[in-house]
Amino acid sequence: MNPVSTLGIDLAKSTFSLHGLDANGAVVLRRGLSRAKLSELVAQLPPCLIGIGSLLGSAPVRCPHSQRSSSASFCLR
């Protein structure tokens, strides 16, 4: 499996949806995780760009990787 170069995270109150792409744009990761398991998975990834999409009611996540947040209007297009 190729390493994840871009990780998209859809934040929710208790369960997150993850979608990882390699450098060529191929899907290499697609799964749902609980809040407790998210930091464990991200800690194992190589440095990568992380895009975070959230709607109302989600809490921010602390992460040492590069992050970009998107507004709900962008996510719902």
PDB file of N, CA and C in Angstrom:
ATOM      1  N   MET A   1       0.839  -1.188   0.000  1.00  0.00           N
ATOM      2  CA  MET A   1       0.000   0.000   0.000  1.00  0.00           C
ATOM      3  C   MET A   1       0.880   1.246   0.000  1.00  0.00           C
ATOM      4  N   ASN A   2       0.568   2.206  -0.864  1.00  0.00           N
ATOM      5  CA  ASN A   2       1.309   3.460  -0.914  1.00  0.00           C
ATOM      6  C   ASN A   2       0.985   4.306   0.305  1.00  0.00           C
ATOM      7  N   PRO A   3       1.947   5.133   0.750  1.00  0.00           N
ATOM      8  CA  PRO A   3       1.681   5.972   1.920  1.00  0.00           C
ATOM      9  C   PRO A   3       0.656   7.064   1.603  1.00  0.00           C
ATOM     10  N   VAL A   4      -0.077   7.449   2.623  1.00  0.00           N
ATOM     11  CA  VAL A   4      -1.078   8.511   2.502  1.00  0.00           C
ATOM     12  C   VAL A   4      -0.362   9.849   2.382  1.00  0.00           C
ATOM     13  N   SER A   5      -0.702  10.630   1.350  1.00  0.00           N
ATOM     14  CA  SER A   5      -0.127  11.972   1.211  1.00  0.00           C
ATOM     15  C   SER A   5      -1.162  13.052   1.529  1.00  0.00           C
ATOM     16  N   THR A   6      -2.444  12.711   1.397  1.00  0.00           N
ATOM     17  CA  THR A   6      -3.535  13.631   1.728  1.00  0.00           C
ATOM     18  C   THR A   6      -4.609  12.852   2.470  1.00  0.00           C
ATOM     19  N   LEU A   7      -5.029  13.374   3.616  1.00  0.00           N
ATOM     20  CA  LEU A   7      -6.048  12.713   4.423  1.00  0.00           C
ATOM     21  C   LEU A   7      -7.210  13.674   4.632  1.00  0.00           C
ATOM     22  N   GLY A   8      -8.403  13.239   4.259  1.00  0.00           N
ATOM     23  CA  GLY A   8      -9.613  14.018   4.508  1.00  0.00           C
ATOM     24  C   GLY A   8     -10.336  13.433   5.701  1.00  0.00           C
ATOM     25  N   ILE A   9     -10.720  14.294   6.636  1.00  0.00           N
ATOM     26  CA  ILE A   9     -11.419  13.842   7.841  1.00  0.00           C
ATOM     27  C   ILE A   9     -12.729  14.597   7.946  1.00  0.00           C
ATOM     28  N   ASP A  10     -13.820  13.858   8.042  1.00  0.00           N
ATOM     29  CA  ASP A  10     -15.130  14.444   8.292  1.00  0.00           C
ATOM     30  C   ASP A  10     -15.392  14.281   9.781  1.00  0.00           C
ATOM     31  N   LEU A  11     -15.378  15.393  10.496  1.00  0.00           N
ATOM     32  CA  LEU A  11     -15.530  15.360  11.945  1.00  0.00           C
ATOM     33  C   LEU A  11     -16.988  15.225  12.352  1.00  0.00           C
ATOM     34  N   ALA A  12     -17.214  14.477  13.393  1.00  0.00           N
ATOM     35  CA  ALA A  12     -18.531  14.359  14.016  1.00  0.00           C
ATOM     36  C   ALA A  12     -18.303  14.284  15.520  1.00  0.00           C
ATOM     37  N   LYS A  13     -19.366  14.154  16.281  1.00  0.00           N
ATOM     38  CA  LYS A  13     -19.208  14.147  17.735  1.00  0.00           C
ATOM     39  C   LYS A  13     -18.451  12.928  18.235  1.00  0.00           C
ATOM     40  N   SER A  14     -18.726  11.749  17.701  1.00  0.00           N
ATOM     41  CA  SER A  14     -18.066  10.557  18.234  1.00  0.00           C
ATOM     42  C   SER A  14     -17.378   9.701  17.181  1.00  0.00           C
ATOM     43  N   THR A  15     -17.809   9.751  15.932  1.00  0.00           N
ATOM     44  CA  THR A  15     -17.228   8.920  14.872  1.00  0.00           C
ATOM     45  C   THR A  15     -16.752   9.802  13.723  1.00  0.00           C
ATOM     46  N   PHE A  16     -15.545   9.528  13.220  1.00  0.00           N
ATOM     47  CA  PHE A  16     -14.982  10.285  12.115  1.00  0.00           C
ATOM     48  C   PHE A  16     -14.893   9.406  10.880  1.00  0.00           C
ATOM     49  N   SER A  17     -15.105   9.991   9.711  1.00  0.00           N
ATOM     50  CA  SER A  17     -14.909   9.302   8.442  1.00  0.00           C
ATOM     51  C   SER A  17     -13.593   9.778   7.844  1.00  0.00           C
ATOM     52  N   LEU A  18     -12.728   8.849   7.469  1.00  0.00           N
ATOM     53  CA  LEU A  18     -11.419   9.167   6.909  1.00  0.00           C
ATOM     54  C   LEU A  18     -11.336   8.694   5.472  1.00  0.00           C
ATOM     55  N   HIS A  19     -10.658   9.512   4.648  1.00  0.00           N
ATOM     56  CA  HIS A  19     -10.468   9.196   3.233  1.00  0.00           C
ATOM     57  C   HIS A  19      -9.041   9.615   2.891  1.00  0.00           C
ATOM     58  N   GLY A  20      -8.164   8.640   2.632  1.00  0.00           N
ATOM     59  CA  GLY A  20      -6.758   8.926   2.358  1.00  0.00           C
ATOM     60  C   GLY A  20      -6.394   8.684   0.914  1.00  0.00           C
ATOM     61  N   LEU A  21      -5.587   9.585   0.353  1.00  0.00           N
ATOM     62  CA  LEU A  21      -5.108   9.477  -1.028  1.00  0.00           C
ATOM     63  C   LEU A  21      -3.589   9.415  -1.035  1.00  0.00           C
ATOM     64  N   ASP A  22      -3.032   8.691  -2.009  1.00  0.00           N
ATOM     65  CA  ASP A  22      -1.583   8.697  -2.178  1.00  0.00           C
ATOM     66  C   ASP A  22      -1.186   9.871  -3.070  1.00  0.00           C
ATOM     67  N   ALA A  23       0.081   9.977  -3.406  1.00  0.00           N
ATOM     68  CA  ALA A  23       0.580  11.109  -4.207  1.00  0.00           C
ATOM     69  C   ALA A  23      -0.031  11.151  -5.603  1.00  0.00           C
ATOM     70  N   ASN A  24      -0.509  10.016  -6.111  1.00  0.00           N
ATOM     71  CA  ASN A  24      -1.125   9.956  -7.437  1.00  0.00           C
ATOM     72  C   ASN A  24      -2.629  10.190  -7.408  1.00  0.00           C
ATOM     73  N   GLY A  25      -3.199  10.351  -6.221  1.00  0.00           N
ATOM     74  CA  GLY A  25      -4.633  10.578  -6.100  1.00  0.00           C
ATOM     75  C   GLY A  25      -5.455   9.308  -5.971  1.00  0.00           C
ATOM     76  N   ALA A  26      -4.799   8.165  -5.841  1.00  0.00           N
ATOM     77  CA  ALA A  26      -5.513   6.899  -5.671  1.00  0.00           C
ATOM     78  C   ALA A  26      -5.923   6.727  -4.216  1.00  0.00           C
ATOM     79  N   VAL A  27      -7.105   6.173  -3.994  1.00  0.00           N
ATOM     80  CA  VAL A  27      -7.608   5.948  -2.639  1.00  0.00           C
ATOM     81  C   VAL A  27      -6.815   4.817  -1.989  1.00  0.00           C
ATOM     82  N   VAL A  28      -6.200   5.101  -0.834  1.00  0.00           N
ATOM     83  CA  VAL A  28      -5.447   4.084  -0.107  1.00  0.00           C
ATOM     84  C   VAL A  28      -5.999   3.857   1.297  1.00  0.00           C
ATOM     85  N   LEU A  29      -6.944   4.691   1.718  1.00  0.00           N
ATOM     86  CA  LEU A  29      -7.525   4.552   3.049  1.00  0.00           C
ATOM     87  C   LEU A  29      -8.956   5.063   3.018  1.00  0.00           C
ATOM     88  N   ARG A  30      -9.862   4.242   3.501  1.00  0.00           N
ATOM     89  CA  ARG A  30     -11.258   4.658   3.628  1.00  0.00           C
ATOM     90  C   ARG A  30     -11.840   3.903   4.814  1.00  0.00           C
ATOM     91  N   ARG A  31     -12.119   4.629   5.901  1.00  0.00           N
ATOM     92  CA  ARG A  31     -12.635   3.965   7.087  1.00  0.00           C
ATOM     93  C   ARG A  31     -13.266   4.954   8.047  1.00  0.00           C
ATOM     94  N   GLY A  32     -14.010   4.442   8.990  1.00  0.00           N
ATOM     95  CA  GLY A  32     -14.583   5.235  10.059  1.00  0.00           C
ATOM     96  C   GLY A  32     -13.881   4.888  11.359  1.00  0.00           C
ATOM     97  N   LEU A  33     -13.675   5.891  12.198  1.00  0.00           N
ATOM     98  CA  LEU A  33     -12.970   5.682  13.466  1.00  0.00           C
ATOM     99  C   LEU A  33     -13.648   6.452  14.584  1.00  0.00           C
ATOM    100  N   SER A  34     -13.488   5.952  15.789  1.00  0.00           N
ATOM    101  CA  SER A  34     -13.955   6.699  16.956  1.00  0.00           C
ATOM    102  C   SER A  34     -12.949   7.801  17.274  1.00  0.00           C
ATOM    103  N   ARG A  35     -13.363   8.761  18.074  1.00  0.00           N
ATOM    104  CA  ARG A  35     -12.487   9.866  18.459  1.00  0.00           C
ATOM    105  C   ARG A  35     -11.215   9.351  19.129  1.00  0.00           C
ATOM    106  N   ALA A  36     -11.346   8.337  19.971  1.00  0.00           N
ATOM    107  CA  ALA A  36     -10.193   7.805  20.701  1.00  0.00           C
ATOM    108  C   ALA A  36      -9.161   7.178  19.760  1.00  0.00           C
ATOM    109  N   LYS A  37      -9.595   6.551  18.689  1.00  0.00           N
ATOM    110  CA  LYS A  37      -8.685   5.863  17.765  1.00  0.00           C
ATOM    111  C   LYS A  37      -8.071   6.790  16.717  1.00  0.00           C
ATOM    112  N   LEU A  38      -8.658   7.975  16.511  1.00  0.00           N
ATOM    113  CA  LEU A  38      -8.168   8.881  15.466  1.00  0.00           C
ATOM    114  C   LEU A  38      -6.728   9.302  15.711  1.00  0.00           C
ATOM    115  N   SER A  39      -6.405   9.718  16.925  1.00  0.00           N
ATOM    116  CA  SER A  39      -5.043  10.186  17.202  1.00  0.00           C
ATOM    117  C   SER A  39      -4.032   9.052  17.046  1.00  0.00           C
ATOM    118  N   GLU A  40      -4.425   7.818  17.367  1.00  0.00           N
ATOM    119  CA  GLU A  40      -3.524   6.677  17.184  1.00  0.00           C
ATOM    120  C   GLU A  40      -3.206   6.472  15.702  1.00  0.00           C
ATOM    121  N   LEU A  41      -4.215   6.555  14.845  1.00  0.00           N
ATOM    122  CA  LEU A  41      -4.001   6.352  13.414  1.00  0.00           C
ATOM    123  C   LEU A  41      -3.164   7.484  12.818  1.00  0.00           C
ATOM    124  N   VAL A  42      -3.473   8.724  13.146  1.00  0.00           N
ATOM    125  CA  VAL A  42      -2.749   9.868  12.585  1.00  0.00           C
ATOM    126  C   VAL A  42      -1.289   9.862  13.041  1.00  0.00           C
ATOM    127  N   ALA A  43      -1.029   9.400  14.260  1.00  0.00           N
ATOM    128  CA  ALA A  43       0.348   9.339  14.762  1.00  0.00           C
ATOM    129  C   ALA A  43       1.192   8.350  13.959  1.00  0.00           C
ATOM    130  N   GLN A  44       0.564   7.353  13.355  1.00  0.00           N
ATOM    131  CA  GLN A  44       1.290   6.343  12.583  1.00  0.00           C
ATOM    132  C   GLN A  44       1.529   6.768  11.131  1.00  0.00           C
ATOM    133  N   LEU A  45       0.857   7.813  10.668  1.00  0.00           N
ATOM    134  CA  LEU A  45       0.995   8.258   9.279  1.00  0.00           C
ATOM    135  C   LEU A  45       2.261   9.070   9.083  1.00  0.00           C
ATOM    136  N   PRO A  46       2.826   9.034   7.881  1.00  0.00           N
ATOM    137  CA  PRO A  46       3.926   9.956   7.578  1.00  0.00           C
ATOM    138  C   PRO A  46       3.362  11.371   7.492  1.00  0.00           C
ATOM    139  N   PRO A  47       4.206  12.400   7.556  1.00  0.00           N
ATOM    140  CA  PRO A  47       3.695  13.763   7.420  1.00  0.00           C
ATOM    141  C   PRO A  47       2.875  13.903   6.143  1.00  0.00           C
ATOM    142  N   CYS A  48       1.681  14.486   6.264  1.00  0.00           N
ATOM    143  CA  CYS A  48       0.798  14.620   5.113  1.00  0.00           C
ATOM    144  C   CYS A  48      -0.132  15.810   5.325  1.00  0.00           C
ATOM    145  N   LEU A  49      -0.785  16.203   4.255  1.00  0.00           N
ATOM    146  CA  LEU A  49      -1.777  17.270   4.320  1.00  0.00           C
ATOM    147  C   LEU A  49      -3.080  16.678   4.835  1.00  0.00           C
ATOM    148  N   ILE A  50      -3.698  17.342   5.820  1.00  0.00           N
ATOM    149  CA  ILE A  50      -4.963  16.862   6.371  1.00  0.00           C
ATOM    150  C   ILE A  50      -6.022  17.934   6.158  1.00  0.00           C
ATOM    151  N   GLY A  51      -7.079  17.571   5.444  1.00  0.00           N
ATOM    152  CA  GLY A  51      -8.217  18.457   5.243  1.00  0.00           C
ATOM    153  C   GLY A  51      -9.313  18.049   6.207  1.00  0.00           C
ATOM    154  N   ILE A  52      -9.845  19.015   6.940  1.00  0.00           N
ATOM    155  CA  ILE A  52     -10.842  18.730   7.966  1.00  0.00           C
ATOM    156  C   ILE A  52     -12.144  19.420   7.599  1.00  0.00           C
ATOM    157  N   GLY A  53     -13.184  18.628   7.446  1.00  0.00           N
ATOM    158  CA  GLY A  53     -14.507  19.158   7.179  1.00  0.00           C
ATOM    159  C   GLY A  53     -15.381  18.925   8.388  1.00  0.00           C
ATOM    160  N   SER A  54     -16.102  19.946   8.815  1.00  0.00           N
ATOM    161  CA  SER A  54     -16.942  19.777   9.992  1.00  0.00           C
ATOM    162  C   SER A  54     -18.218  20.574   9.838  1.00  0.00           C
ATOM    163  N   LEU A  55     -19.266  20.064  10.404  1.00  0.00           N
ATOM    164  CA  LEU A  55     -20.529  20.773  10.485  1.00  0.00           C
ATOM    165  C   LEU A  55     -20.724  21.199  11.930  1.00  0.00           C
ATOM    166  N   LEU A  56     -21.828  21.788  12.249  1.00  0.00           N
ATOM    167  CA  LEU A  56     -22.069  22.223  13.618  1.00  0.00           C
ATOM    168  C   LEU A  56     -22.044  21.041  14.574  1.00  0.00           C
ATOM    169  N   GLY A  57     -21.506  21.249  15.764  1.00  0.00           N
ATOM    170  CA  GLY A  57     -21.518  20.221  16.786  1.00  0.00           C
ATOM    171  C   GLY A  57     -20.242  19.416  16.891  1.00  0.00           C
ATOM    172  N   SER A  58     -19.289  19.619  16.016  1.00  0.00           N
ATOM    173  CA  SER A  58     -18.045  18.867  16.113  1.00  0.00           C
ATOM    174  C   SER A  58     -17.009  19.687  16.880  1.00  0.00           C
ATOM    175  N   ALA A  59     -16.077  18.984  17.475  1.00  0.00           N
ATOM    176  CA  ALA A  59     -15.022  19.639  18.252  1.00  0.00           C
ATOM    177  C   ALA A  59     -13.729  19.608  17.443  1.00  0.00           C
ATOM    178  N   PRO A  60     -12.841  20.602  17.624  1.00  0.00           N
ATOM    179  CA  PRO A  60     -11.575  20.614  16.887  1.00  0.00           C
ATOM    180  C   PRO A  60     -10.649  19.483  17.329  1.00  0.00           C
ATOM    181  N   VAL A  61      -9.746  19.096  16.458  1.00  0.00           N
ATOM    182  CA  VAL A  61      -8.780  18.029  16.738  1.00  0.00           C
ATOM    183  C   VAL A  61      -7.388  18.628  16.706  1.00  0.00           C
ATOM    184  N   ARG A  62      -6.562  18.317  17.703  1.00  0.00           N
ATOM    185  CA  ARG A  62      -5.177  18.789  17.708  1.00  0.00           C
ATOM    186  C   ARG A  62      -4.326  17.795  16.948  1.00  0.00           C
ATOM    187  N   CYS A  63      -3.512  18.323  16.043  1.00  0.00           N
ATOM    188  CA  CYS A  63      -2.752  17.446  15.158  1.00  0.00           C
ATOM    189  C   CYS A  63      -1.457  18.137  14.750  1.00  0.00           C
ATOM    190  N   PRO A  64      -0.304  17.433  14.775  1.00  0.00           N
ATOM    191  CA  PRO A  64       0.964  18.043  14.381  1.00  0.00           C
ATOM    192  C   PRO A  64       1.148  18.145  12.871  1.00  0.00           C
ATOM    193  N   HIS A  65       0.268  17.533  12.087  1.00  0.00           N
ATOM    194  CA  HIS A  65       0.375  17.569  10.631  1.00  0.00           C
ATOM    195  C   HIS A  65      -0.187  18.887  10.094  1.00  0.00           C
ATOM    196  N   SER A  66       0.067  19.166   8.832  1.00  0.00           N
ATOM    197  CA  SER A  66      -0.485  20.341   8.172  1.00  0.00           C
ATOM    198  C   SER A  66      -1.994  20.159   8.036  1.00  0.00           C
ATOM    199  N   GLN A  67      -2.778  21.178   8.427  1.00  0.00           N
ATOM    200  CA  GLN A  67      -4.236  21.066   8.419  1.00  0.00           C
ATOM    201  C   GLN A  67      -4.867  22.186   7.607  1.00  0.00           C
ATOM    202  N   ARG A  68      -6.013  21.885   7.023  1.00  0.00           N
ATOM    203  CA  ARG A  68      -6.854  22.894   6.370  1.00  0.00           C
ATOM    204  C   ARG A  68      -8.298  22.598   6.740  1.00  0.00           C
ATOM    205  N   SER A  69      -9.003  23.606   7.192  1.00  0.00           N
ATOM    206  CA  SER A  69     -10.412  23.431   7.537  1.00  0.00           C
ATOM    207  C   SER A  69     -11.259  23.997   6.412  1.00  0.00           C
ATOM    208  N   SER A  70     -12.430  23.415   6.227  1.00  0.00           N
ATOM    209  CA  SER A  70     -13.352  23.908   5.206  1.00  0.00           C
ATOM    210  C   SER A  70     -14.689  24.198   5.854  1.00  0.00           C
ATOM    211  N   SER A  71     -15.373  25.177   5.329  1.00  0.00           N
ATOM    212  CA  SER A  71     -16.680  25.532   5.880  1.00  0.00           C
ATOM    213  C   SER A  71     -17.731  24.526   5.444  1.00  0.00           C
ATOM    214  N   ALA A  72     -18.848  24.511   6.151  1.00  0.00           N
ATOM    215  CA  ALA A  72     -19.924  23.576   5.834  1.00  0.00           C
ATOM    216  C   ALA A  72     -20.475  23.816   4.430  1.00  0.00           C
ATOM    217  N   SER A  73     -20.527  25.059   3.991  1.00  0.00           N
ATOM    218  CA  SER A  73     -21.067  25.349   2.659  1.00  0.00           C
ATOM    219  C   SER A  73     -20.190  24.732   1.569  1.00  0.00           C
ATOM    220  N   PHE A  74     -18.867  24.682   1.781  1.00  0.00           N
ATOM    221  CA  PHE A  74     -17.966  24.067   0.812  1.00  0.00           C
ATOM    222  C   PHE A  74     -18.157  22.547   0.799  1.00  0.00           C
ATOM    223  N   CYS A  75     -18.310  21.929   1.981  1.00  0.00           N
ATOM    224  CA  CYS A  75     -18.432  20.477   2.095  1.00  0.00           C
ATOM    225  C   CYS A  75     -19.732  19.965   1.487  1.00  0.00           C
ATOM    226  N   LEU A  76     -20.771  20.771   1.482  1.00  0.00           N
ATOM    227  CA  LEU A  76     -22.077  20.320   1.044  1.00  0.00           C
ATOM    228  C   LEU A  76     -22.330  20.542  -0.434  1.00  0.00           C
ATOM    229  N   ARG A  77     -21.380  21.049  -1.177  1.00  0.00           N
ATOM    230  CA  ARG A  77     -21.570  21.293  -2.620  1.00  0.00           C
ATOM    231  C   ARG A  77     -21.643  20.035  -3.405  1.00  0.00           C
TER     232      ARG A  77
END
